[in-house]
Amino acid sequence: MPVYIGLDIGGTKCMVAAADAAGRELARARAETPTGLREGLDLLHAMIARVAGDAPIAGIGAAIGGPLDYATGLVSPLHQPEWRAVPLKAIMEARYGCPCAVDVDTNVAALGEYRLGGVTADRFLYMTVSTGIGGGFVVDGSLYRGAGGAHPELGHQSVPPRCAHPARVACECGAPDCLEALASGNGIRRVYGKPAEALTDAEWAEVAYHLGQALRNLAAIYAPGVITLGGGVAVGGGSRLLDGIRATMAAHTRLVPLPDVRLSALGYDTALRGAISIAMHGF
C-alpha cells in the first residue's frame, strides 16, 4: 500500500508523518533540527524511512520557512542559516521517485486548515502566531499569491504600538512597528522580558489589541468570511487572547462584514497535516 509523506521542517524541530490514500495518519516522527544542511537532510531521510517502512511513497509535501520559490522548490529558510538555495523539491524527487510539493509553512498550514479543519468559507485567512507571525489566504480553494508568486507577509504590516514598553519594540526585519515585533513569541520576549505563557492578563490584553488591529486591517482589505489563528502563542493564549482580539475587531471594524475569528481546529499539527494534503492533492 503506497503512502504519502508530510514534512514540517522548522528552525527548531522537524516532524515527519506518513498517511494512507485516505489521508489517515499511519506513523509520525519528531526530532530537533540540526544546524547543518547535510545533517538536516540526513535526518529527514532517516525519519521518512522510519515512518514509511517498506511502503512505496506516492508523494511528498514539505512545509518550511521562507523565503522560497514554490514552483522550483528552491528554499532558503530564514531561521536556518546554513540552508541557502537548497533544491529541496529536486532532492526529494530524485531520491524517492515521486512528486514533491514545497511551500512556505504558513501557506501549507492555511491549506491544511481549510481542507481538514471544517472551514466552509470561500474566503479564508489563516494566521500563525508563534516564534514569528505569518499566514496564508485561501480563495475558492486556492492559495492567494502575490506578484511573481511572492508570499504575503502578514506579520510585517504596520500596527502602531500601544503597550507599556514601546521602546522595546523592534522587528528582526528592520522595519518599524511590525506586528511580529509586538505579538510573536520573539516579540513578546523582547517587549515583556518573558515568554508568552508567563504574561499577565493586562499584558495579554495588549497583545490581543495589537493582533485585533492587524486582523481588522486584513478584514478591511480581504473581507474574509473566516479567520483562523494557529501557532503556539495563539493556542496557548486561548480564550484570553481570542476574546480580546474579537472585542478589538468589533470596536474598530467598519464597512466590511466582521469575520468569524476562531482558533485552529488542528492545533499544533496544521503545517504537518497540510503537508500531507499537498502531497496527496497538490496546491
Protein backbone atom coordinates (compact mmCIF):
# COMPACT_ATOMS: atom_id res chain seq x y z
CA MET A 1 0.00 0.00 0.00
CA PRO A 2 1.56 3.33 -1.06
CA VAL A 3 1.89 6.13 1.48
CA TYR A 4 2.07 9.92 1.35
CA ILE A 5 4.72 11.76 3.34
CA GLY A 6 4.36 15.14 5.05
CA LEU A 7 7.41 17.13 6.18
CA ASP A 8 7.17 20.04 8.64
CA ILE A 9 10.70 21.46 8.66
CA GLY A 10 11.14 24.12 11.32
CA GLY A 11 14.09 26.05 12.64
CA THR A 12 14.00 24.15 15.95
CA LYS A 13 12.13 20.90 15.17
CA CYS A 14 11.24 18.62 12.30
CA MET A 15 8.12 16.48 12.12
CA VAL A 16 7.51 13.80 9.51
CA ALA A 17 4.35 11.73 9.04
CA ALA A 18 3.08 9.03 6.71
CA ALA A 19 -0.57 8.73 5.66
CA ASP A 20 -2.59 6.28 3.58
CA ALA A 21 -4.55 7.08 0.44
CA ALA A 22 -7.50 8.26 2.55
CA GLY A 23 -5.29 10.75 4.43
CA ARG A 24 -5.29 8.74 7.66
CA GLU A 25 -2.03 9.19 9.54
CA LEU A 26 -0.14 5.93 9.96
CA ALA A 27 3.04 6.98 11.75
CA ARG A 28 4.98 10.10 12.70
CA ALA A 29 8.41 11.08 13.96
CA ARG A 30 9.79 14.22 15.58
CA ALA A 31 13.34 15.43 16.20
CA GLU A 32 15.30 18.62 16.83
CA THR A 33 16.50 20.34 13.66
CA PRO A 34 20.29 20.12 13.21
CA THR A 35 22.19 23.28 12.34
CA GLY A 36 23.99 21.87 9.30
CA LEU A 37 22.40 21.28 5.90
CA ARG A 38 23.84 17.79 5.38
CA GLU A 39 22.85 16.70 8.88
CA GLY A 40 19.37 18.11 8.33
CA LEU A 41 18.83 16.28 5.05
CA ASP A 42 20.19 13.04 6.50
CA LEU A 43 17.76 13.39 9.41
CA LEU A 44 14.80 13.90 7.07
CA HIS A 45 15.72 10.81 5.07
CA ALA A 46 16.05 8.75 8.26
CA MET A 47 12.68 9.98 9.54
CA ILE A 48 11.00 9.27 6.19
CA ALA A 49 12.38 5.72 6.29
CA ARG A 50 11.09 5.30 9.84
CA VAL A 51 7.51 6.35 9.11
CA ALA A 52 7.21 4.82 5.62
CA GLY A 53 8.75 1.46 6.43
CA ASP A 54 8.71 -0.77 3.35
CA ALA A 55 5.75 1.00 1.71
CA PRO A 56 6.26 2.76 -1.63
CA ILE A 57 5.99 6.55 -1.44
CA ALA A 58 3.41 8.10 -3.78
CA GLY A 59 4.02 11.77 -2.95
CA ILE A 60 5.77 14.15 -0.57
CA GLY A 61 4.66 17.53 0.73
CA ALA A 62 7.01 19.87 2.59
CA ALA A 63 6.30 22.90 4.78
CA ILE A 64 9.35 25.06 5.53
CA GLY A 65 10.14 28.66 6.41
CA GLY A 66 10.63 31.21 3.64
CA PRO A 67 11.86 32.72 1.53
CA LEU A 68 11.47 30.11 -1.17
CA ASP A 69 10.31 29.51 -4.74
CA TYR A 70 7.34 27.15 -4.50
CA ALA A 71 7.41 26.36 -8.25
CA THR A 72 11.02 25.14 -8.28
CA GLY A 73 11.19 24.07 -4.63
CA LEU A 74 14.37 26.10 -4.01
CA VAL A 75 14.43 27.00 -0.31
CA SER A 76 16.43 29.41 1.90
CA PRO A 77 14.64 29.36 5.29
CA LEU A 78 15.46 32.50 7.28
CA HIS A 79 15.87 30.71 10.62
CA GLN A 80 18.18 28.01 9.19
CA PRO A 81 21.25 29.98 8.10
CA GLU A 82 23.07 27.02 6.52
CA TRP A 83 20.10 26.21 4.26
CA ARG A 84 20.61 28.58 1.34
CA ALA A 85 19.31 27.98 -2.19
CA VAL A 86 18.66 24.30 -1.36
CA PRO A 87 16.81 22.46 -4.18
CA LEU A 88 14.61 20.55 -1.74
CA LYS A 89 11.98 19.53 -4.32
CA ALA A 90 14.62 18.14 -6.69
CA ILE A 91 16.44 16.33 -3.87
CA MET A 92 13.29 14.57 -2.70
CA GLU A 93 12.02 13.71 -6.18
CA ALA A 94 15.38 12.24 -7.20
CA ARG A 95 15.66 10.19 -4.02
CA TYR A 96 12.11 8.82 -3.84
CA GLY A 97 10.94 8.87 -7.46
CA CYS A 98 7.67 10.66 -6.71
CA PRO A 99 6.30 14.23 -6.90
CA CYS A 100 7.25 16.62 -4.12
CA ALA A 101 5.35 19.86 -3.39
CA VAL A 102 7.11 22.55 -1.33
CA ASP A 103 5.75 25.79 0.07
CA VAL A 104 6.09 28.29 2.90
CA ASP A 105 4.92 26.68 6.13
CA THR A 106 2.13 29.20 6.71
CA ASN A 107 0.70 28.61 3.22
CA VAL A 108 0.79 24.87 3.83
CA ALA A 109 -0.88 25.35 7.21
CA ALA A 110 -3.57 27.52 5.61
CA LEU A 111 -4.40 24.78 3.12
CA GLY A 112 -4.35 22.15 5.86
CA GLU A 113 -6.76 24.14 7.99
CA TYR A 114 -9.00 24.91 5.01
CA ARG A 115 -9.18 21.34 3.78
CA LEU A 116 -9.18 19.46 7.08
CA GLY A 117 -10.34 21.93 9.74
CA GLY A 118 -14.02 22.16 8.84
CA VAL A 119 -13.80 25.54 7.06
CA THR A 120 -16.64 26.23 4.62
CA ALA A 121 -15.98 29.90 3.78
CA ASP A 122 -14.93 30.76 0.22
CA ARG A 123 -12.57 33.44 1.57
CA PHE A 124 -10.41 32.08 4.36
CA LEU A 125 -7.47 33.71 6.14
CA TYR A 126 -5.08 31.71 8.33
CA MET A 127 -2.58 33.40 10.66
CA THR A 128 0.03 31.60 12.72
CA VAL A 129 1.18 33.39 15.88
CA SER A 130 4.27 31.55 17.04
CA THR A 131 8.01 32.38 17.14
CA GLY A 132 7.14 34.70 14.27
CA ILE A 133 3.87 35.67 12.60
CA GLY A 134 2.78 34.67 9.11
CA GLY A 135 -0.22 33.40 7.28
CA GLY A 136 -1.94 32.37 4.10
CA PHE A 137 -5.12 33.39 2.27
CA VAL A 138 -7.29 30.80 0.50
CA VAL A 139 -9.71 31.98 -2.18
CA ASP A 140 -12.19 29.47 -3.63
CA GLY A 141 -9.95 26.62 -2.52
CA SER A 142 -6.70 28.00 -3.94
CA LEU A 143 -3.87 29.90 -2.29
CA TYR A 144 -3.64 33.61 -2.97
CA ARG A 145 -0.16 34.54 -4.20
CA GLY A 146 1.34 37.94 -4.77
CA ALA A 147 3.10 39.30 -7.84
CA GLY A 148 5.63 36.84 -9.21
CA GLY A 149 4.40 34.22 -6.73
CA ALA A 150 5.51 36.32 -3.73
CA HIS A 151 4.31 35.22 -0.32
CA PRO A 152 2.37 37.97 1.52
CA GLU A 153 3.94 38.75 4.91
CA LEU A 154 1.06 39.28 7.32
CA GLY A 155 3.37 39.70 10.30
CA HIS A 156 5.15 42.68 8.77
CA GLN A 157 2.21 45.01 8.40
CA SER A 158 2.50 48.19 10.47
CA VAL A 159 0.50 48.38 13.71
CA PRO A 160 1.10 51.41 15.97
CA PRO A 161 2.29 50.13 19.37
CA ARG A 162 0.04 50.58 22.37
CA CYS A 163 1.94 48.84 25.12
CA ALA A 164 3.75 49.58 28.38
CA HIS A 165 7.22 49.31 26.82
CA PRO A 166 7.14 50.87 23.31
CA ALA A 167 10.91 51.49 23.37
CA ARG A 168 11.49 47.71 23.34
CA VAL A 169 9.55 47.15 20.11
CA ALA A 170 12.00 46.12 17.37
CA CYS A 171 11.41 43.77 14.45
CA GLU A 172 14.10 41.45 13.14
CA CYS A 173 13.31 42.65 9.60
CA GLY A 174 14.44 46.17 10.50
CA ALA A 175 11.19 47.98 9.72
CA PRO A 176 9.38 49.91 12.48
CA ASP A 177 6.06 48.96 14.10
CA CYS A 178 5.73 45.44 12.65
CA LEU A 179 3.03 43.25 14.14
CA GLU A 180 5.63 40.49 14.59
CA ALA A 181 7.60 42.76 16.91
CA LEU A 182 4.52 43.21 19.11
CA ALA A 183 2.74 39.86 19.25
CA SER A 184 5.02 37.00 18.15
CA GLY A 185 6.81 34.76 20.62
CA ASN A 186 10.12 36.52 19.96
CA GLY A 187 8.46 39.94 20.09
CA ILE A 188 6.74 39.15 23.39
CA ARG A 189 10.04 38.08 24.95
CA ARG A 190 11.65 41.32 23.80
CA VAL A 191 8.83 43.64 24.89
CA TYR A 192 7.81 41.96 28.14
CA GLY A 193 11.03 40.18 29.11
CA LYS A 194 9.35 36.78 29.47
CA PRO A 195 7.68 34.05 27.39
CA ALA A 196 4.04 34.29 26.35
CA GLU A 197 2.92 31.69 28.89
CA ALA A 198 4.09 33.99 31.71
CA LEU A 199 2.12 37.08 30.59
CA THR A 200 -0.33 38.72 32.97
CA ASP A 201 -3.94 39.35 31.95
CA ALA A 202 -3.09 43.01 31.30
CA GLU A 203 -0.18 42.03 29.05
CA TRP A 204 -2.33 39.52 27.16
CA ALA A 205 -4.82 42.36 26.62
CA GLU A 206 -2.07 44.43 24.94
CA VAL A 207 -1.08 41.52 22.69
CA ALA A 208 -4.75 40.93 21.81
CA TYR A 209 -5.22 44.60 20.97
CA HIS A 210 -2.31 44.56 18.50
CA LEU A 211 -3.50 41.34 16.87
CA GLY A 212 -7.05 42.67 16.74
CA GLN A 213 -5.91 45.81 14.93
CA ALA A 214 -3.86 43.73 12.49
CA LEU A 215 -6.80 41.44 11.73
CA ARG A 216 -9.02 44.49 11.35
CA ASN A 217 -6.60 45.69 8.64
CA LEU A 218 -6.74 42.33 6.88
CA ALA A 219 -10.53 42.14 7.18
CA ALA A 220 -10.84 45.60 5.61
CA ILE A 221 -8.61 44.60 2.67
CA TYR A 222 -9.59 40.97 2.02
CA ALA A 223 -13.05 40.69 3.64
CA PRO A 224 -12.64 37.01 4.57
CA GLY A 225 -15.54 35.02 5.98
CA VAL A 226 -13.36 33.16 8.48
CA ILE A 227 -10.02 33.93 10.14
CA THR A 228 -8.31 31.09 11.99
CA LEU A 229 -5.38 31.54 14.36
CA GLY A 230 -2.80 28.83 14.93
CA GLY A 231 0.69 28.56 16.39
CA GLY A 232 1.96 28.21 19.93
CA VAL A 233 1.23 31.75 21.12
CA ALA A 234 -2.34 31.72 19.78
CA VAL A 235 -3.16 28.22 21.02
CA GLY A 236 -1.50 28.94 24.38
CA GLY A 237 -3.32 32.26 24.76
CA GLY A 238 -6.66 30.58 24.20
CA SER A 239 -9.79 32.48 25.19
CA ARG A 240 -7.84 35.30 26.88
CA LEU A 241 -6.29 36.16 23.55
CA LEU A 242 -9.25 35.34 21.32
CA ASP A 243 -11.79 37.33 23.35
CA GLY A 244 -9.56 40.41 23.28
CA ILE A 245 -8.99 40.11 19.53
CA ARG A 246 -12.71 39.78 18.85
CA ALA A 247 -13.53 42.77 21.06
CA THR A 248 -10.93 44.97 19.33
CA MET A 249 -12.15 43.97 15.88
CA ALA A 250 -15.78 44.54 16.81
CA ALA A 251 -14.97 48.02 18.12
CA HIS A 252 -12.92 49.11 15.10
CA THR A 253 -14.13 47.25 12.00
CA ARG A 254 -16.34 49.30 9.68
CA LEU A 255 -17.88 48.87 6.22
CA VAL A 256 -16.95 45.18 5.79
CA PRO A 257 -18.60 42.17 7.45
CA LEU A 258 -17.00 41.14 10.72
CA PRO A 259 -15.35 37.75 10.07
CA ASP A 260 -15.69 34.71 12.28
CA VAL A 261 -12.40 34.57 14.24
CA ARG A 262 -11.52 31.22 15.78
CA LEU A 263 -8.61 29.09 16.95
CA SER A 264 -7.19 26.36 14.74
CA ALA A 265 -9.08 23.07 14.74
CA LEU A 266 -5.83 21.23 14.03
CA GLY A 267 -3.83 22.78 16.88
CA TYR A 268 -0.10 22.31 16.50
CA ASP A 269 -0.47 19.96 13.50
CA THR A 270 -1.67 22.42 10.85
CA ALA A 271 1.57 22.51 8.83
CA LEU A 272 2.16 18.75 9.10
CA ARG A 273 -1.41 17.88 8.11
CA GLY A 274 -1.23 20.48 5.36
CA ALA A 275 2.00 18.91 4.07
CA ILE A 276 0.26 15.55 3.80
CA SER A 277 -2.60 17.26 1.97
CA ILE A 278 -0.36 18.85 -0.67
CA ALA A 279 1.50 15.54 -1.04
CA MET A 280 -1.85 13.99 -1.99
CA HIS A 281 -3.62 16.80 -3.85
CA GLY A 282 -1.03 19.49 -4.66
CA PHE A 283 -1.95 23.15 -4.25
